[in-house]
All heavy atoms as atom14 arrays in JSON, in Angstrom:
{
  "sequence": "YNYQGDTEKVLKGLGFTTEDFEKQTDTFSGGWRMRIELAKLLLQ",
  "atom14_mask": [
    [1, 1, 1, 1, 1, 1, 1, 1, 1, 1, 1, 1, 0, 0],
    [1, 1, 1, 1, 1, 1, 1, 1, 0, 0, 0, 0, 0, 0],
    [1, 1, 1, 1, 1, 1, 1, 1, 1, 1, 1, 1, 0, 0],
    [1, 1, 1, 1, 1, 1, 1, 1, 1, 0, 0, 0, 0, 0],
    [1, 1, 1, 1, 0, 0, 0, 0, 0, 0, 0, 0, 0, 0],
    [1, 1, 1, 1, 1, 1, 1, 1, 0, 0, 0, 0, 0, 0],
    [1, 1, 1, 1, 1, 1, 1, 0, 0, 0, 0, 0, 0, 0],
    [1, 1, 1, 1, 1, 1, 1, 1, 1, 0, 0, 0, 0, 0],
    [1, 1, 1, 1, 1, 1, 1, 1, 1, 0, 0, 0, 0, 0],
    [1, 1, 1, 1, 1, 1, 1, 0, 0, 0, 0, 0, 0, 0],
    [1, 1, 1, 1, 1, 1, 1, 1, 0, 0, 0, 0, 0, 0],
    [1, 1, 1, 1, 1, 1, 1, 1, 1, 0, 0, 0, 0, 0],
    [1, 1, 1, 1, 0, 0, 0, 0, 0, 0, 0, 0, 0, 0],
    [1, 1, 1, 1, 1, 1, 1, 1, 0, 0, 0, 0, 0, 0],
    [1, 1, 1, 1, 0, 0, 0, 0, 0, 0, 0, 0, 0, 0],
    [1, 1, 1, 1, 1, 1, 1, 1, 1, 1, 1, 0, 0, 0],
    [1, 1, 1, 1, 1, 1, 1, 0, 0, 0, 0, 0, 0, 0],
    [1, 1, 1, 1, 1, 1, 1, 0, 0, 0, 0, 0, 0, 0],
    [1, 1, 1, 1, 1, 1, 1, 1, 1, 0, 0, 0, 0, 0],
    [1, 1, 1, 1, 1, 1, 1, 1, 0, 0, 0, 0, 0, 0],
    [1, 1, 1, 1, 1, 1, 1, 1, 1, 1, 1, 0, 0, 0],
    [1, 1, 1, 1, 1, 1, 1, 1, 1, 0, 0, 0, 0, 0],
    [1, 1, 1, 1, 1, 1, 1, 1, 1, 0, 0, 0, 0, 0],
    [1, 1, 1, 1, 1, 1, 1, 1, 1, 0, 0, 0, 0, 0],
    [1, 1, 1, 1, 1, 1, 1, 0, 0, 0, 0, 0, 0, 0],
    [1, 1, 1, 1, 1, 1, 1, 1, 0, 0, 0, 0, 0, 0],
    [1, 1, 1, 1, 1, 1, 1, 0, 0, 0, 0, 0, 0, 0],
    [1, 1, 1, 1, 1, 1, 1, 1, 1, 1, 1, 0, 0, 0],
    [1, 1, 1, 1, 1, 1, 0, 0, 0, 0, 0, 0, 0, 0],
    [1, 1, 1, 1, 0, 0, 0, 0, 0, 0, 0, 0, 0, 0],
    [1, 1, 1, 1, 0, 0, 0, 0, 0, 0, 0, 0, 0, 0],
    [1, 1, 1, 1, 1, 1, 1, 1, 1, 1, 1, 1, 1, 1],
    [1, 1, 1, 1, 1, 1, 1, 1, 1, 1, 1, 0, 0, 0],
    [1, 1, 1, 1, 1, 1, 1, 1, 0, 0, 0, 0, 0, 0],
    [1, 1, 1, 1, 1, 1, 1, 1, 1, 1, 1, 0, 0, 0],
    [1, 1, 1, 1, 1, 1, 1, 1, 0, 0, 0, 0, 0, 0],
    [1, 1, 1, 1, 1, 1, 1, 1, 1, 0, 0, 0, 0, 0],
    [1, 1, 1, 1, 1, 1, 1, 1, 0, 0, 0, 0, 0, 0],
    [1, 1, 1, 1, 1, 0, 0, 0, 0, 0, 0, 0, 0, 0],
    [1, 1, 1, 1, 1, 1, 1, 1, 1, 0, 0, 0, 0, 0],
    [1, 1, 1, 1, 1, 1, 1, 1, 0, 0, 0, 0, 0, 0],
    [1, 1, 1, 1, 1, 1, 1, 1, 0, 0, 0, 0, 0, 0],
    [1, 1, 1, 1, 1, 1, 1, 1, 0, 0, 0, 0, 0, 0],
    [1, 1, 1, 1, 1, 1, 1, 1, 1, 0, 0, 0, 0, 0]
  ],
  "atom14_positions": [
    [[-57.27, 4.81, 17.37], [-56.98, 5.7, 18.49], [-55.98, 5.07, 19.47], [-55.58, 5.72, 20.44], [-58.27, 6.07, 19.23], [-59.24, 6.84, 18.35], [-60.42, 6.25, 17.87], [-58.97, 8.15, 17.98], [-61.29, 6.95, 17.06], [-59.84, 8.87, 17.16], [-61.0, 8.26, 16.69], [-61.85, 8.96, 15.88], [0.0, 0.0, 0.0], [0.0, 0.0, 0.0]],
    [[-55.6, 3.83, 19.2], [-54.68, 3.12, 20.11], [-53.36, 2.72, 19.46], [-52.42, 2.35, 20.17], [-55.35, 1.85, 20.66], [-56.64, 2.13, 21.39], [-56.73, 3.09, 22.15], [-57.65, 1.3, 21.16], [0.0, 0.0, 0.0], [0.0, 0.0, 0.0], [0.0, 0.0, 0.0], [0.0, 0.0, 0.0], [0.0, 0.0, 0.0], [0.0, 0.0, 0.0]],
    [[-53.27, 2.74, 18.13], [-52.14, 2.11, 17.47], [-50.8, 2.77, 17.79], [-49.76, 2.1, 17.87], [-52.37, 2.05, 15.95], [-52.04, 3.29, 15.17], [-50.78, 3.47, 14.59], [-52.98, 4.29, 14.98], [-50.47, 4.61, 13.85], [-52.69, 5.43, 14.25], [-51.44, 5.59, 13.69], [-51.14, 6.71, 12.96], [0.0, 0.0, 0.0], [0.0, 0.0, 0.0]],
    [[-50.82, 4.1, 18.01], [-49.55, 4.77, 18.31], [-49.01, 4.35, 19.67], [-47.81, 4.08, 19.82], [-49.74, 6.28, 18.24], [-50.01, 6.79, 16.83], [-50.21, 8.29, 16.77], [-50.62, 8.92, 17.75], [-49.93, 8.89, 15.62], [0.0, 0.0, 0.0], [0.0, 0.0, 0.0], [0.0, 0.0, 0.0], [0.0, 0.0, 0.0], [0.0, 0.0, 0.0]],
    [[-49.91, 4.25, 20.64], [-49.5, 3.8, 21.97], [-49.03, 2.35, 21.95], [-48.03, 1.98, 22.58], [0.0, 0.0, 0.0], [0.0, 0.0, 0.0], [0.0, 0.0, 0.0], [0.0, 0.0, 0.0], [0.0, 0.0, 0.0], [0.0, 0.0, 0.0], [0.0, 0.0, 0.0], [0.0, 0.0, 0.0], [0.0, 0.0, 0.0], [0.0, 0.0, 0.0]],
    [[-49.77, 1.49, 21.2], [-49.38, 0.08, 21.08], [-48.0, -0.05, 20.43], [-47.19, -0.89, 20.84], [-50.41, -0.68, 20.24], [-51.75, -0.81, 20.95], [-51.79, -0.63, 22.18], [-52.76, -1.09, 20.27], [0.0, 0.0, 0.0], [0.0, 0.0, 0.0], [0.0, 0.0, 0.0], [0.0, 0.0, 0.0], [0.0, 0.0, 0.0], [0.0, 0.0, 0.0]],
    [[-47.77, 0.78, 19.41], [-46.47, 0.74, 18.72], [-45.32, 1.06, 19.66], [-44.3, 0.37, 19.68], [-46.47, 1.73, 17.53], [-47.49, 1.35, 16.61], [-45.12, 1.72, 16.83], [0.0, 0.0, 0.0], [0.0, 0.0, 0.0], [0.0, 0.0, 0.0], [0.0, 0.0, 0.0], [0.0, 0.0, 0.0], [0.0, 0.0, 0.0], [0.0, 0.0, 0.0]],
    [[-45.5, 2.11, 20.45], [-44.44, 2.5, 21.38], [-44.19, 1.42, 22.43], [-43.04, 1.15, 22.8], [-44.81, 3.83, 22.05], [-44.81, 5.01, 21.08], [-44.99, 6.35, 21.78], [-44.89, 6.37, 23.03], [-45.22, 7.35, 21.09], [0.0, 0.0, 0.0], [0.0, 0.0, 0.0], [0.0, 0.0, 0.0], [0.0, 0.0, 0.0], [0.0, 0.0, 0.0]],
    [[-45.26, 0.75, 22.89], [-45.09, -0.32, 23.88], [-44.28, -1.47, 23.3], [-43.38, -2.0, 23.95], [-46.48, -0.84, 24.32], [-47.22, 0.09, 25.26], [-48.58, -0.49, 25.6], [-49.4, 0.48, 26.45], [-50.76, -0.06, 26.73], [0.0, 0.0, 0.0], [0.0, 0.0, 0.0], [0.0, 0.0, 0.0], [0.0, 0.0, 0.0], [0.0, 0.0, 0.0]],
    [[-44.61, -1.88, 22.08], [-43.9, -3.0, 21.46], [-42.44, -2.65, 21.2], [-41.53, -3.45, 21.46], [-44.6, -3.44, 20.15], [-43.75, -4.45, 19.39], [-45.98, -4.02, 20.45], [0.0, 0.0, 0.0], [0.0, 0.0, 0.0], [0.0, 0.0, 0.0], [0.0, 0.0, 0.0], [0.0, 0.0, 0.0], [0.0, 0.0, 0.0], [0.0, 0.0, 0.0]],
    [[-42.2, -1.45, 20.67], [-40.82, -1.03, 20.39], [-39.98, -0.98, 21.67], [-38.83, -1.41, 21.69], [-40.8, 0.33, 19.69], [-41.24, 0.33, 18.22], [-41.34, 1.76, 17.7], [-40.27, -0.47, 17.35], [0.0, 0.0, 0.0], [0.0, 0.0, 0.0], [0.0, 0.0, 0.0], [0.0, 0.0, 0.0], [0.0, 0.0, 0.0], [0.0, 0.0, 0.0]],
    [[-40.57, -0.45, 22.73], [-39.84, -0.41, 24.0], [-39.61, -1.82, 24.53], [-38.55, -2.11, 25.11], [-40.61, 0.43, 25.02], [-40.52, 1.93, 24.75], [-41.26, 2.74, 25.81], [-41.1, 4.24, 25.56], [-41.83, 5.06, 26.55], [0.0, 0.0, 0.0], [0.0, 0.0, 0.0], [0.0, 0.0, 0.0], [0.0, 0.0, 0.0], [0.0, 0.0, 0.0]],
    [[-40.59, -2.7, 24.32], [-40.42, -4.08, 24.74], [-39.29, -4.78, 24.0], [-38.66, -5.7, 24.52], [0.0, 0.0, 0.0], [0.0, 0.0, 0.0], [0.0, 0.0, 0.0], [0.0, 0.0, 0.0], [0.0, 0.0, 0.0], [0.0, 0.0, 0.0], [0.0, 0.0, 0.0], [0.0, 0.0, 0.0], [0.0, 0.0, 0.0], [0.0, 0.0, 0.0]],
    [[-39.01, -4.29, 22.78], [-37.93, -4.87, 21.97], [-36.59, -4.18, 22.21], [-35.62, -4.48, 21.53], [-38.29, -4.78, 20.49], [-39.34, -5.78, 20.01], [-39.84, -5.42, 18.62], [-38.8, -7.19, 20.01], [0.0, 0.0, 0.0], [0.0, 0.0, 0.0], [0.0, 0.0, 0.0], [0.0, 0.0, 0.0], [0.0, 0.0, 0.0], [0.0, 0.0, 0.0]],
    [[-36.56, -3.25, 23.15], [-35.28, -2.66, 23.51], [-35.04, -1.26, 22.98], [-33.99, -0.66, 23.26], [0.0, 0.0, 0.0], [0.0, 0.0, 0.0], [0.0, 0.0, 0.0], [0.0, 0.0, 0.0], [0.0, 0.0, 0.0], [0.0, 0.0, 0.0], [0.0, 0.0, 0.0], [0.0, 0.0, 0.0], [0.0, 0.0, 0.0], [0.0, 0.0, 0.0]],
    [[-35.96, -0.69, 22.22], [-35.78, 0.66, 21.72], [-36.13, 1.68, 22.82], [-37.01, 1.44, 23.64], [-36.68, 0.92, 20.5], [-36.27, 0.18, 19.27], [-36.83, -1.05, 18.96], [-35.32, 0.71, 18.4], [-36.46, -1.74, 17.82], [-34.94, 0.02, 17.25], [-35.51, -1.21, 16.97], [0.0, 0.0, 0.0], [0.0, 0.0, 0.0], [0.0, 0.0, 0.0]],
    [[-35.44, 2.79, 22.8], [-35.74, 3.88, 23.74], [-36.57, 4.94, 23.04], [-36.68, 4.96, 21.8], [-34.44, 4.52, 24.27], [-33.74, 5.14, 23.17], [-33.54, 3.48, 24.91], [0.0, 0.0, 0.0], [0.0, 0.0, 0.0], [0.0, 0.0, 0.0], [0.0, 0.0, 0.0], [0.0, 0.0, 0.0], [0.0, 0.0, 0.0], [0.0, 0.0, 0.0]],
    [[-37.15, 5.84, 23.83], [-37.95, 6.93, 23.26], [-37.1, 7.77, 22.3], [-37.59, 8.25, 21.27], [-38.52, 7.83, 24.37], [-39.26, 7.0, 25.28], [-39.43, 8.9, 23.8], [0.0, 0.0, 0.0], [0.0, 0.0, 0.0], [0.0, 0.0, 0.0], [0.0, 0.0, 0.0], [0.0, 0.0, 0.0], [0.0, 0.0, 0.0], [0.0, 0.0, 0.0]],
    [[-35.81, 7.93, 22.63], [-34.9, 8.71, 21.78], [-34.69, 8.04, 20.43], [-34.41, 8.7, 19.42], [-33.55, 8.91, 22.47], [-33.58, 9.81, 23.7], [-34.21, 9.14, 24.92], [-34.19, 7.89, 24.97], [-34.72, 9.86, 25.79], [0.0, 0.0, 0.0], [0.0, 0.0, 0.0], [0.0, 0.0, 0.0], [0.0, 0.0, 0.0], [0.0, 0.0, 0.0]],
    [[-34.81, 6.72, 20.38], [-34.6, 5.98, 19.13], [-35.74, 6.18, 18.13], [-35.56, 6.0, 16.93], [-34.46, 4.48, 19.4], [-33.18, 4.13, 20.15], [-32.2, 4.86, 19.98], [-33.19, 3.13, 20.89], [0.0, 0.0, 0.0], [0.0, 0.0, 0.0], [0.0, 0.0, 0.0], [0.0, 0.0, 0.0], [0.0, 0.0, 0.0], [0.0, 0.0, 0.0]],
    [[-36.94, 6.51, 18.63], [-38.12, 6.53, 17.78], [-38.0, 7.46, 16.58], [-38.51, 7.15, 15.5], [-39.37, 6.93, 18.59], [-39.79, 5.92, 19.63], [-40.72, 6.25, 20.6], [-39.27, 4.64, 19.63], [-41.13, 5.33, 21.55], [-39.65, 3.71, 20.59], [-40.58, 4.06, 21.55], [0.0, 0.0, 0.0], [0.0, 0.0, 0.0], [0.0, 0.0, 0.0]],
    [[-37.32, 8.58, 16.75], [-37.24, 9.57, 15.68], [-35.95, 9.44, 14.86], [-35.68, 10.25, 13.98], [-37.34, 10.98, 16.25], [-38.66, 11.27, 16.95], [-39.88, 11.01, 16.06], [-39.79, 11.28, 14.84], [-40.9, 10.52, 16.57], [0.0, 0.0, 0.0], [0.0, 0.0, 0.0], [0.0, 0.0, 0.0], [0.0, 0.0, 0.0], [0.0, 0.0, 0.0]],
    [[-35.14, 8.41, 15.14], [-33.92, 8.2, 14.37], [-34.25, 7.48, 13.05], [-35.2, 6.7, 12.98], [-32.91, 7.35, 15.16], [-32.34, 8.08, 16.37], [-31.33, 7.18, 17.1], [-30.76, 7.88, 18.33], [-29.82, 7.0, 19.07], [0.0, 0.0, 0.0], [0.0, 0.0, 0.0], [0.0, 0.0, 0.0], [0.0, 0.0, 0.0], [0.0, 0.0, 0.0]],
    [[-33.45, 7.72, 12.02], [-33.65, 7.08, 10.73], [-33.3, 5.59, 10.82], [-32.35, 5.2, 11.5], [-32.75, 7.73, 9.67], [-33.05, 9.2, 9.43], [-34.37, 9.41, 8.7], [-34.61, 8.82, 7.66], [-35.23, 10.26, 9.25], [0.0, 0.0, 0.0], [0.0, 0.0, 0.0], [0.0, 0.0, 0.0], [0.0, 0.0, 0.0], [0.0, 0.0, 0.0]],
    [[-34.06, 4.77, 10.12], [-33.84, 3.32, 10.2], [-32.47, 2.91, 9.68], [-31.89, 1.93, 10.14], [-34.92, 2.56, 9.41], [-34.92, 3.02, 8.04], [-36.29, 2.76, 10.0], [0.0, 0.0, 0.0], [0.0, 0.0, 0.0], [0.0, 0.0, 0.0], [0.0, 0.0, 0.0], [0.0, 0.0, 0.0], [0.0, 0.0, 0.0], [0.0, 0.0, 0.0]],
    [[-31.94, 3.67, 8.7], [-30.66, 3.28, 8.12], [-29.47, 3.58, 9.04], [-28.33, 3.27, 8.7], [-30.44, 3.92, 6.74], [-30.58, 5.44, 6.76], [-30.59, 6.01, 7.87], [-30.68, 6.04, 5.68], [0.0, 0.0, 0.0], [0.0, 0.0, 0.0], [0.0, 0.0, 0.0], [0.0, 0.0, 0.0], [0.0, 0.0, 0.0], [0.0, 0.0, 0.0]],
    [[-29.74, 4.18, 10.21], [-28.66, 4.41, 11.18], [-28.52, 3.22, 12.13], [-27.62, 3.22, 12.97], [-28.92, 5.68, 12.0], [-30.13, 5.52, 12.78], [-29.06, 6.9, 11.1], [0.0, 0.0, 0.0], [0.0, 0.0, 0.0], [0.0, 0.0, 0.0], [0.0, 0.0, 0.0], [0.0, 0.0, 0.0], [0.0, 0.0, 0.0], [0.0, 0.0, 0.0]],
    [[-29.4, 2.23, 12.01], [-29.37, 1.07, 12.89], [-28.73, -0.13, 12.2], [-28.78, -0.26, 10.98], [-30.79, 0.69, 13.34], [-31.4, 1.67, 14.31], [-32.1, 2.77, 13.85], [-31.27, 1.48, 15.67], [-32.67, 3.67, 14.73], [-31.84, 2.38, 16.57], [-32.53, 3.47, 16.09], [0.0, 0.0, 0.0], [0.0, 0.0, 0.0], [0.0, 0.0, 0.0]],
    [[-28.14, -1.01, 13.0], [-27.53, -2.23, 12.47], [-28.61, -3.22, 12.04], [-29.79, -3.04, 12.34], [-26.63, -2.88, 13.53], [-27.42, -3.3, 14.64], [0.0, 0.0, 0.0], [0.0, 0.0, 0.0], [0.0, 0.0, 0.0], [0.0, 0.0, 0.0], [0.0, 0.0, 0.0], [0.0, 0.0, 0.0], [0.0, 0.0, 0.0], [0.0, 0.0, 0.0]],
    [[-28.17, -4.28, 11.37], [-29.12, -5.26, 10.85], [-30.0, -5.89, 11.91], [-31.19, -6.12, 11.7], [0.0, 0.0, 0.0], [0.0, 0.0, 0.0], [0.0, 0.0, 0.0], [0.0, 0.0, 0.0], [0.0, 0.0, 0.0], [0.0, 0.0, 0.0], [0.0, 0.0, 0.0], [0.0, 0.0, 0.0], [0.0, 0.0, 0.0], [0.0, 0.0, 0.0]],
    [[-29.42, -6.18, 13.09], [-30.2, -6.79, 14.16], [-31.31, -5.9, 14.67], [-32.43, -6.35, 14.93], [0.0, 0.0, 0.0], [0.0, 0.0, 0.0], [0.0, 0.0, 0.0], [0.0, 0.0, 0.0], [0.0, 0.0, 0.0], [0.0, 0.0, 0.0], [0.0, 0.0, 0.0], [0.0, 0.0, 0.0], [0.0, 0.0, 0.0], [0.0, 0.0, 0.0]],
    [[-31.02, -4.6, 14.8], [-32.04, -3.67, 15.27], [-33.11, -3.45, 14.22], [-34.3, -3.28, 14.53], [-31.4, -2.34, 15.67], [-30.64, -2.44, 16.96], [-29.31, -2.62, 17.12], [-31.2, -2.42, 18.27], [-29.01, -2.71, 18.46], [-30.15, -2.58, 19.18], [-32.51, -2.28, 18.76], [-30.35, -2.61, 20.57], [-32.71, -2.3, 20.14], [-31.64, -2.46, 21.03]],
    [[-32.72, -3.47, 12.96], [-33.72, -3.31, 11.89], [-34.61, -4.55, 11.82], [-35.8, -4.45, 11.49], [-33.01, -3.07, 10.55], [-32.28, -1.73, 10.52], [-31.46, -1.54, 9.27], [-32.3, -1.28, 8.12], [-31.83, -1.07, 6.9], [-30.52, -1.1, 6.7], [-32.64, -0.84, 5.89], [0.0, 0.0, 0.0], [0.0, 0.0, 0.0], [0.0, 0.0, 0.0]],
    [[-34.03, -5.71, 12.15], [-34.84, -6.92, 12.21], [-35.9, -6.79, 13.31], [-37.03, -7.26, 13.17], [-33.94, -8.13, 12.49], [-34.67, -9.46, 12.53], [-35.26, -9.99, 10.91], [-33.73, -10.61, 10.2], [0.0, 0.0, 0.0], [0.0, 0.0, 0.0], [0.0, 0.0, 0.0], [0.0, 0.0, 0.0], [0.0, 0.0, 0.0], [0.0, 0.0, 0.0]],
    [[-35.54, -6.13, 14.41], [-36.51, -5.94, 15.5], [-37.66, -5.04, 15.05], [-38.81, -5.24, 15.47], [-35.81, -5.29, 16.71], [-34.75, -6.17, 17.33], [-34.2, -5.55, 18.59], [-32.85, -6.03, 18.85], [-32.27, -5.99, 20.03], [-32.92, -5.51, 21.06], [-31.04, -6.43, 20.19], [0.0, 0.0, 0.0], [0.0, 0.0, 0.0], [0.0, 0.0, 0.0]],
    [[-37.36, -4.04, 14.23], [-38.43, -3.18, 13.7], [-39.39, -4.01, 12.87], [-40.62, -3.88, 12.98], [-37.84, -2.03, 12.85], [-36.92, -1.14, 13.69], [-38.96, -1.2, 12.23], [-36.16, -0.1, 12.88], [0.0, 0.0, 0.0], [0.0, 0.0, 0.0], [0.0, 0.0, 0.0], [0.0, 0.0, 0.0], [0.0, 0.0, 0.0], [0.0, 0.0, 0.0]],
    [[-38.83, -4.89, 12.04], [-39.67, -5.75, 11.2], [-40.5, -6.69, 12.07], [-41.68, -6.95, 11.78], [-38.79, -6.55, 10.23], [-39.54, -7.22, 9.11], [-40.14, -6.23, 8.11], [-39.76, -5.04, 8.14], [-41.01, -6.65, 7.33], [0.0, 0.0, 0.0], [0.0, 0.0, 0.0], [0.0, 0.0, 0.0], [0.0, 0.0, 0.0], [0.0, 0.0, 0.0]],
    [[-39.91, -7.21, 13.14], [-40.64, -8.06, 14.07], [-41.78, -7.28, 14.73], [-42.89, -7.79, 14.88], [-39.69, -8.6, 15.15], [-38.87, -9.83, 14.79], [-37.82, -10.1, 15.86], [-39.75, -11.04, 14.6], [0.0, 0.0, 0.0], [0.0, 0.0, 0.0], [0.0, 0.0, 0.0], [0.0, 0.0, 0.0], [0.0, 0.0, 0.0], [0.0, 0.0, 0.0]],
    [[-41.49, -6.06, 15.12], [-42.52, -5.21, 15.73], [-43.71, -5.05, 14.78], [-44.87, -5.12, 15.2], [-41.94, -3.85, 16.1], [0.0, 0.0, 0.0], [0.0, 0.0, 0.0], [0.0, 0.0, 0.0], [0.0, 0.0, 0.0], [0.0, 0.0, 0.0], [0.0, 0.0, 0.0], [0.0, 0.0, 0.0], [0.0, 0.0, 0.0], [0.0, 0.0, 0.0]],
    [[-43.41, -4.83, 13.5], [-44.48, -4.67, 12.51], [-45.34, -5.94, 12.43], [-46.57, -5.87, 12.37], [-43.87, -4.35, 11.14], [-43.32, -2.94, 11.03], [-42.32, -2.77, 9.91], [-42.92, -2.97, 8.54], [-41.92, -2.73, 7.48], [0.0, 0.0, 0.0], [0.0, 0.0, 0.0], [0.0, 0.0, 0.0], [0.0, 0.0, 0.0], [0.0, 0.0, 0.0]],
    [[-44.68, -7.09, 12.44], [-45.42, -8.35, 12.36], [-46.3, -8.55, 13.59], [-47.44, -9.0, 13.49], [-44.46, -9.53, 12.21], [-43.75, -9.68, 10.87], [-42.81, -10.88, 10.89], [-44.75, -9.84, 9.73], [0.0, 0.0, 0.0], [0.0, 0.0, 0.0], [0.0, 0.0, 0.0], [0.0, 0.0, 0.0], [0.0, 0.0, 0.0], [0.0, 0.0, 0.0]],
    [[-45.78, -8.22, 14.76], [-46.55, -8.38, 16.0], [-47.77, -7.48, 16.01], [-48.85, -7.89, 16.41], [-45.68, -8.05, 17.21], [-44.39, -8.83, 17.42], [-43.78, -8.47, 18.76], [-44.64, -10.3, 17.34], [0.0, 0.0, 0.0], [0.0, 0.0, 0.0], [0.0, 0.0, 0.0], [0.0, 0.0, 0.0], [0.0, 0.0, 0.0], [0.0, 0.0, 0.0]],
    [[-47.6, -6.26, 15.58], [-48.69, -5.29, 15.61], [-49.77, -5.59, 14.59], [-50.91, -5.12, 14.73], [-48.12, -3.88, 15.38], [-47.25, -3.35, 16.54], [-46.39, -2.19, 16.09], [-48.14, -2.94, 17.72], [0.0, 0.0, 0.0], [0.0, 0.0, 0.0], [0.0, 0.0, 0.0], [0.0, 0.0, 0.0], [0.0, 0.0, 0.0], [0.0, 0.0, 0.0]],
    [[-49.43, -6.38, 13.57], [-50.42, -6.73, 12.55], [-51.38, -7.83, 13.01], [-52.42, -8.04, 12.4], [-49.71, -7.2, 11.28], [-49.04, -6.09, 10.5], [-48.18, -6.63, 9.38], [-47.9, -7.82, 9.3], [-47.72, -5.74, 8.51], [0.0, 0.0, 0.0], [0.0, 0.0, 0.0], [0.0, 0.0, 0.0], [0.0, 0.0, 0.0], [0.0, 0.0, 0.0]]
  ]
}
């Protein structure tokens, strides 16, 4: 019941905006995709 809110907090902490959340991952550069992977590791 908390994971969606936690995910948004971490992504915003890494510099993503709310508008970025629904964008496809392949539209981002390598550095931003690395941040997504980092977010996944943190949330685990």
